[in-house]
Amino acid sequence: MQGAVFWYHNRRMMTAYEDQVSISIQKDRDVTTSQLVIKDATTYHSGNYSCLPTWADPASVLVNVVVDGEQPAAMQTGSASHSTSELLTLLLLLLLLQSLFSVVLVSQR
């Protein structure tokens, strides 16, 4: 796969030069994957994240970063305890998997 992958947060292009942001691209035979990692996420990092590869359909996910002690009414609570960074990483991984699935489908056509 040739091309580029662009990451956006609330329609603003993200770069690996931003504080707390790490963007990687891995090419492996017929599959290219990109990963966005945000370290020490805060409520500033809430919003819509989009991955736009030039060779496949874009994928988006809405991320709501919750600070310790905050319990939004629309979210379920449970006994499990996870850090904000772990939850954001999980949501971004889901976005990556969705994007990867799109890339695989495009490459098989």
N, C-alpha and C. Protein backbone atom coordinates (compact mmCIF):
# COMPACT_ATOMS: atom_id res chain seq x y z
N MET A 1 0.83 -1.18 0.00
CA MET A 1 0.00 0.00 0.00
C MET A 1 0.88 1.25 0.00
N GLN A 2 0.64 2.13 -0.88
CA GLN A 2 1.32 3.41 -0.91
C GLN A 2 0.34 4.48 -0.48
N GLY A 3 0.84 5.53 0.10
CA GLY A 3 -0.01 6.63 0.49
C GLY A 3 0.31 7.13 1.88
N ALA A 4 -0.55 7.99 2.36
CA ALA A 4 -0.34 8.61 3.66
C ALA A 4 -1.56 8.37 4.55
N VAL A 5 -1.34 8.55 5.84
CA VAL A 5 -2.43 8.45 6.81
C VAL A 5 -2.47 9.76 7.57
N PHE A 6 -3.65 10.37 7.63
CA PHE A 6 -3.83 11.62 8.33
C PHE A 6 -4.76 11.39 9.52
N TRP A 7 -4.37 11.94 10.68
CA TRP A 7 -5.18 11.86 11.90
C TRP A 7 -5.71 13.24 12.22
N TYR A 8 -7.01 13.28 12.61
CA TYR A 8 -7.65 14.54 12.96
C TYR A 8 -8.31 14.43 14.33
N HIS A 9 -8.26 15.52 15.07
CA HIS A 9 -8.99 15.65 16.33
C HIS A 9 -9.90 16.87 16.17
N ASN A 10 -11.21 16.61 16.18
CA ASN A 10 -12.19 17.68 15.96
C ASN A 10 -11.88 18.50 14.71
N ARG A 11 -11.62 17.81 13.62
CA ARG A 11 -11.35 18.39 12.30
C ARG A 11 -10.03 19.15 12.20
N ARG A 12 -9.17 19.04 13.22
CA ARG A 12 -7.86 19.67 13.18
C ARG A 12 -6.82 18.58 13.00
N MET A 13 -5.98 18.74 11.97
CA MET A 13 -4.97 17.71 11.69
C MET A 13 -3.99 17.62 12.85
N MET A 14 -3.69 16.39 13.25
CA MET A 14 -2.75 16.14 14.33
C MET A 14 -1.40 15.77 13.73
N THR A 15 -0.34 16.07 14.48
CA THR A 15 1.00 15.69 14.05
C THR A 15 1.73 15.02 15.21
N ALA A 16 2.75 14.30 14.89
CA ALA A 16 3.56 13.63 15.92
C ALA A 16 4.43 14.63 16.66
N TYR A 17 4.43 15.89 16.24
CA TYR A 17 5.23 16.91 16.89
C TYR A 17 4.51 17.57 18.05
N GLU A 18 3.24 17.20 18.27
CA GLU A 18 2.49 17.76 19.38
C GLU A 18 2.88 17.06 20.68
N ASP A 19 2.79 17.79 21.78
CA ASP A 19 3.04 17.19 23.09
C ASP A 19 2.04 16.08 23.33
N GLN A 20 2.46 15.01 23.93
CA GLN A 20 1.64 13.88 24.34
C GLN A 20 1.17 13.00 23.18
N VAL A 21 1.48 13.33 21.94
CA VAL A 21 0.95 12.60 20.79
C VAL A 21 2.05 11.77 20.14
N SER A 22 1.70 10.53 19.84
CA SER A 22 2.60 9.64 19.12
C SER A 22 1.83 9.01 17.97
N ILE A 23 2.33 9.15 16.76
CA ILE A 23 1.69 8.57 15.58
C ILE A 23 2.69 7.63 14.92
N SER A 24 2.24 6.41 14.66
CA SER A 24 3.13 5.46 13.99
C SER A 24 2.42 4.83 12.80
N ILE A 25 3.21 4.43 11.82
CA ILE A 25 2.69 3.73 10.64
C ILE A 25 3.55 2.49 10.44
N GLN A 26 2.89 1.36 10.27
CA GLN A 26 3.61 0.10 10.06
C GLN A 26 3.11 -0.55 8.77
N LYS A 27 4.03 -0.83 7.87
CA LYS A 27 3.69 -1.49 6.62
C LYS A 27 4.15 -2.93 6.68
N ASP A 28 3.22 -3.85 6.38
CA ASP A 28 3.52 -5.27 6.46
C ASP A 28 2.84 -5.96 5.28
N ARG A 29 3.62 -6.30 4.28
CA ARG A 29 3.13 -6.93 3.05
C ARG A 29 1.96 -6.15 2.45
N ASP A 30 0.73 -6.68 2.58
CA ASP A 30 -0.44 -6.06 1.97
C ASP A 30 -1.23 -5.18 2.93
N VAL A 31 -0.78 -5.04 4.16
CA VAL A 31 -1.54 -4.30 5.16
C VAL A 31 -0.69 -3.18 5.75
N THR A 32 -1.27 -2.01 5.82
CA THR A 32 -0.63 -0.88 6.47
C THR A 32 -1.51 -0.45 7.63
N THR A 33 -0.91 -0.27 8.80
CA THR A 33 -1.66 0.17 9.96
C THR A 33 -1.04 1.44 10.52
N SER A 34 -1.88 2.27 11.12
CA SER A 34 -1.42 3.49 11.76
C SER A 34 -2.02 3.52 13.16
N GLN A 35 -1.22 4.00 14.10
CA GLN A 35 -1.67 4.04 15.48
C GLN A 35 -1.42 5.43 16.05
N LEU A 36 -2.45 5.96 16.72
CA LEU A 36 -2.36 7.24 17.40
C LEU A 36 -2.43 6.97 18.90
N VAL A 37 -1.43 7.44 19.63
CA VAL A 37 -1.40 7.26 21.08
C VAL A 37 -1.27 8.63 21.73
N ILE A 38 -2.10 8.88 22.74
CA ILE A 38 -2.03 10.12 23.50
C ILE A 38 -1.69 9.75 24.94
N LYS A 39 -0.56 10.26 25.42
CA LYS A 39 -0.12 9.97 26.78
C LYS A 39 -0.71 10.99 27.74
N ASP A 40 -1.12 10.52 28.91
CA ASP A 40 -1.67 11.39 29.95
C ASP A 40 -2.82 12.25 29.43
N ALA A 41 -3.81 11.60 28.86
CA ALA A 41 -4.96 12.30 28.27
C ALA A 41 -5.73 13.09 29.32
N THR A 42 -6.26 14.23 28.91
CA THR A 42 -7.09 15.07 29.75
C THR A 42 -8.41 15.32 29.03
N THR A 43 -9.30 16.07 29.64
CA THR A 43 -10.59 16.35 29.00
C THR A 43 -10.40 17.13 27.69
N TYR A 44 -9.28 17.83 27.55
CA TYR A 44 -8.96 18.52 26.29
C TYR A 44 -8.95 17.53 25.13
N HIS A 45 -8.57 16.30 25.40
CA HIS A 45 -8.45 15.29 24.34
C HIS A 45 -9.78 14.63 23.97
N SER A 46 -10.86 15.01 24.63
CA SER A 46 -12.18 14.50 24.25
C SER A 46 -12.54 15.04 22.87
N GLY A 47 -13.37 14.31 22.16
CA GLY A 47 -13.83 14.79 20.86
C GLY A 47 -13.83 13.71 19.81
N ASN A 48 -13.95 14.14 18.57
CA ASN A 48 -14.01 13.22 17.44
C ASN A 48 -12.61 13.00 16.89
N TYR A 49 -12.21 11.73 16.80
CA TYR A 49 -10.93 11.36 16.20
C TYR A 49 -11.20 10.65 14.89
N SER A 50 -10.50 11.08 13.85
CA SER A 50 -10.67 10.49 12.52
C SER A 50 -9.33 10.06 11.96
N CYS A 51 -9.34 8.92 11.34
CA CYS A 51 -8.17 8.39 10.65
C CYS A 51 -8.51 8.39 9.16
N LEU A 52 -7.73 9.11 8.35
CA LEU A 52 -8.01 9.22 6.93
C LEU A 52 -6.82 8.73 6.11
N PRO A 53 -6.80 7.44 5.79
CA PRO A 53 -5.75 6.93 4.89
C PRO A 53 -6.09 7.34 3.45
N THR A 54 -5.08 7.61 2.64
CA THR A 54 -5.33 8.05 1.27
C THR A 54 -5.81 6.91 0.37
N TRP A 55 -5.67 5.65 0.81
CA TRP A 55 -6.03 4.50 -0.03
C TRP A 55 -7.26 3.75 0.45
N ALA A 56 -7.90 4.22 1.54
CA ALA A 56 -9.04 3.47 2.09
C ALA A 56 -10.05 4.45 2.66
N ASP A 57 -11.21 3.91 3.02
CA ASP A 57 -12.25 4.73 3.63
C ASP A 57 -11.81 5.24 5.00
N PRO A 58 -12.22 6.46 5.35
CA PRO A 58 -11.87 6.98 6.67
C PRO A 58 -12.69 6.30 7.76
N ALA A 59 -12.19 6.40 8.99
CA ALA A 59 -12.90 5.87 10.16
C ALA A 59 -12.84 6.93 11.26
N SER A 60 -13.90 7.01 12.06
CA SER A 60 -13.96 7.99 13.14
C SER A 60 -14.51 7.36 14.40
N VAL A 61 -14.16 7.96 15.53
CA VAL A 61 -14.69 7.53 16.82
C VAL A 61 -14.81 8.77 17.71
N LEU A 62 -15.85 8.81 18.53
CA LEU A 62 -16.05 9.89 19.48
C LEU A 62 -15.49 9.45 20.83
N VAL A 63 -14.55 10.21 21.36
CA VAL A 63 -13.88 9.88 22.62
C VAL A 63 -14.30 10.89 23.68
N ASN A 64 -14.71 10.37 24.84
CA ASN A 64 -15.05 11.22 25.97
C ASN A 64 -14.09 10.89 27.11
N VAL A 65 -13.14 11.78 27.37
CA VAL A 65 -12.18 11.57 28.44
C VAL A 65 -12.82 12.02 29.75
N VAL A 66 -12.85 11.12 30.72
CA VAL A 66 -13.47 11.39 32.01
C VAL A 66 -12.37 11.47 33.06
N VAL A 67 -12.37 12.55 33.82
CA VAL A 67 -11.36 12.69 34.88
C VAL A 67 -11.79 11.90 36.10
N ASP A 68 -10.83 11.57 36.96
CA ASP A 68 -11.11 10.79 38.16
C ASP A 68 -12.22 11.44 38.98
N GLY A 69 -13.18 10.62 39.39
CA GLY A 69 -14.28 11.10 40.22
C GLY A 69 -15.48 11.59 39.44
N GLU A 70 -15.32 11.85 38.16
CA GLU A 70 -16.43 12.33 37.33
C GLU A 70 -17.24 11.15 36.83
N GLN A 71 -18.56 11.23 36.91
CA GLN A 71 -19.43 10.16 36.45
C GLN A 71 -20.56 10.75 35.61
N PRO A 72 -20.35 10.94 34.31
CA PRO A 72 -21.40 11.47 33.44
C PRO A 72 -22.63 10.57 33.47
N ALA A 73 -23.80 11.16 33.43
CA ALA A 73 -25.06 10.42 33.54
C ALA A 73 -25.24 9.40 32.43
N ALA A 74 -24.68 9.66 31.25
CA ALA A 74 -24.89 8.76 30.12
C ALA A 74 -23.96 7.57 30.13
N MET A 75 -23.01 7.53 31.06
CA MET A 75 -22.06 6.44 31.10
C MET A 75 -22.38 5.50 32.24
N GLN A 76 -22.23 4.21 31.99
CA GLN A 76 -22.43 3.23 33.04
C GLN A 76 -21.20 3.18 33.92
N THR A 77 -21.42 2.90 35.18
CA THR A 77 -20.29 2.74 36.08
C THR A 77 -20.23 1.30 36.53
N GLY A 78 -19.05 0.85 36.89
CA GLY A 78 -18.88 -0.52 37.35
C GLY A 78 -17.79 -0.56 38.39
N SER A 79 -17.45 -1.74 38.82
CA SER A 79 -16.44 -1.86 39.86
C SER A 79 -15.03 -1.84 39.29
N ALA A 80 -14.87 -2.03 38.00
CA ALA A 80 -13.53 -2.03 37.40
C ALA A 80 -12.98 -0.62 37.37
N SER A 81 -11.70 -0.48 37.60
CA SER A 81 -11.05 0.82 37.61
C SER A 81 -9.98 0.86 36.53
N HIS A 82 -10.10 1.84 35.63
CA HIS A 82 -9.13 2.00 34.56
C HIS A 82 -8.70 3.45 34.50
N SER A 83 -7.47 3.69 34.17
CA SER A 83 -6.99 5.07 34.04
C SER A 83 -7.52 5.67 32.75
N THR A 84 -7.55 6.99 32.72
CA THR A 84 -8.01 7.72 31.54
C THR A 84 -7.18 7.35 30.33
N SER A 85 -5.89 7.24 30.49
CA SER A 85 -5.00 6.91 29.37
C SER A 85 -5.31 5.52 28.83
N GLU A 86 -5.60 4.56 29.71
CA GLU A 86 -5.92 3.20 29.26
C GLU A 86 -7.20 3.20 28.44
N LEU A 87 -8.20 3.95 28.89
CA LEU A 87 -9.48 3.99 28.17
C LEU A 87 -9.32 4.66 26.81
N LEU A 88 -8.57 5.77 26.77
CA LEU A 88 -8.36 6.45 25.50
C LEU A 88 -7.57 5.56 24.55
N THR A 89 -6.58 4.86 25.05
CA THR A 89 -5.81 3.94 24.22
C THR A 89 -6.70 2.84 23.66
N LEU A 90 -7.60 2.31 24.48
CA LEU A 90 -8.53 1.28 24.03
C LEU A 90 -9.44 1.81 22.93
N LEU A 91 -9.98 3.01 23.10
CA LEU A 91 -10.86 3.57 22.08
C LEU A 91 -10.10 3.83 20.77
N LEU A 92 -8.89 4.33 20.88
CA LEU A 92 -8.10 4.56 19.66
C LEU A 92 -7.71 3.25 18.99
N LEU A 93 -7.49 2.21 19.78
CA LEU A 93 -7.21 0.89 19.22
C LEU A 93 -8.42 0.37 18.44
N LEU A 94 -9.61 0.60 18.97
CA LEU A 94 -10.83 0.20 18.26
C LEU A 94 -10.94 0.94 16.92
N LEU A 95 -10.61 2.23 16.93
CA LEU A 95 -10.61 3.00 15.69
C LEU A 95 -9.59 2.44 14.71
N LEU A 96 -8.43 2.09 15.21
CA LEU A 96 -7.38 1.51 14.37
C LEU A 96 -7.85 0.20 13.75
N LEU A 97 -8.48 -0.65 14.54
CA LEU A 97 -8.97 -1.92 14.03
C LEU A 97 -10.04 -1.71 12.96
N GLN A 98 -10.91 -0.74 13.18
CA GLN A 98 -11.93 -0.44 12.18
C GLN A 98 -11.28 0.04 10.89
N SER A 99 -10.27 0.90 11.01
CA SER A 99 -9.55 1.39 9.84
C SER A 99 -8.80 0.26 9.15
N LEU A 100 -8.16 -0.60 9.92
CA LEU A 100 -7.44 -1.74 9.37
C LEU A 100 -8.38 -2.65 8.61
N PHE A 101 -9.56 -2.89 9.14
CA PHE A 101 -10.56 -3.71 8.46
C PHE A 101 -10.91 -3.09 7.10
N SER A 102 -11.05 -1.76 7.08
CA SER A 102 -11.35 -1.08 5.82
C SER A 102 -10.20 -1.25 4.83
N VAL A 103 -8.96 -1.17 5.31
CA VAL A 103 -7.80 -1.31 4.44
C VAL A 103 -7.74 -2.72 3.87
N VAL A 104 -8.00 -3.71 4.68
CA VAL A 104 -7.98 -5.10 4.22
C VAL A 104 -9.06 -5.32 3.16
N LEU A 105 -10.24 -4.76 3.39
CA LEU A 105 -11.32 -4.92 2.40
C LEU A 105 -10.95 -4.26 1.09
N VAL A 106 -10.35 -3.07 1.14
CA VAL A 106 -9.97 -2.38 -0.08
C VAL A 106 -8.88 -3.15 -0.81
N SER A 107 -7.91 -3.70 -0.08
CA SER A 107 -6.81 -4.40 -0.75
C SER A 107 -7.25 -5.72 -1.36
N GLN A 108 -8.38 -6.27 -0.92
CA GLN A 108 -8.86 -7.54 -1.48
C GLN A 108 -9.72 -7.34 -2.70
N ARG A 109 -10.08 -6.11 -2.99
CA ARG A 109 -10.94 -5.86 -4.17
C ARG A 109 -10.17 -5.97 -5.45
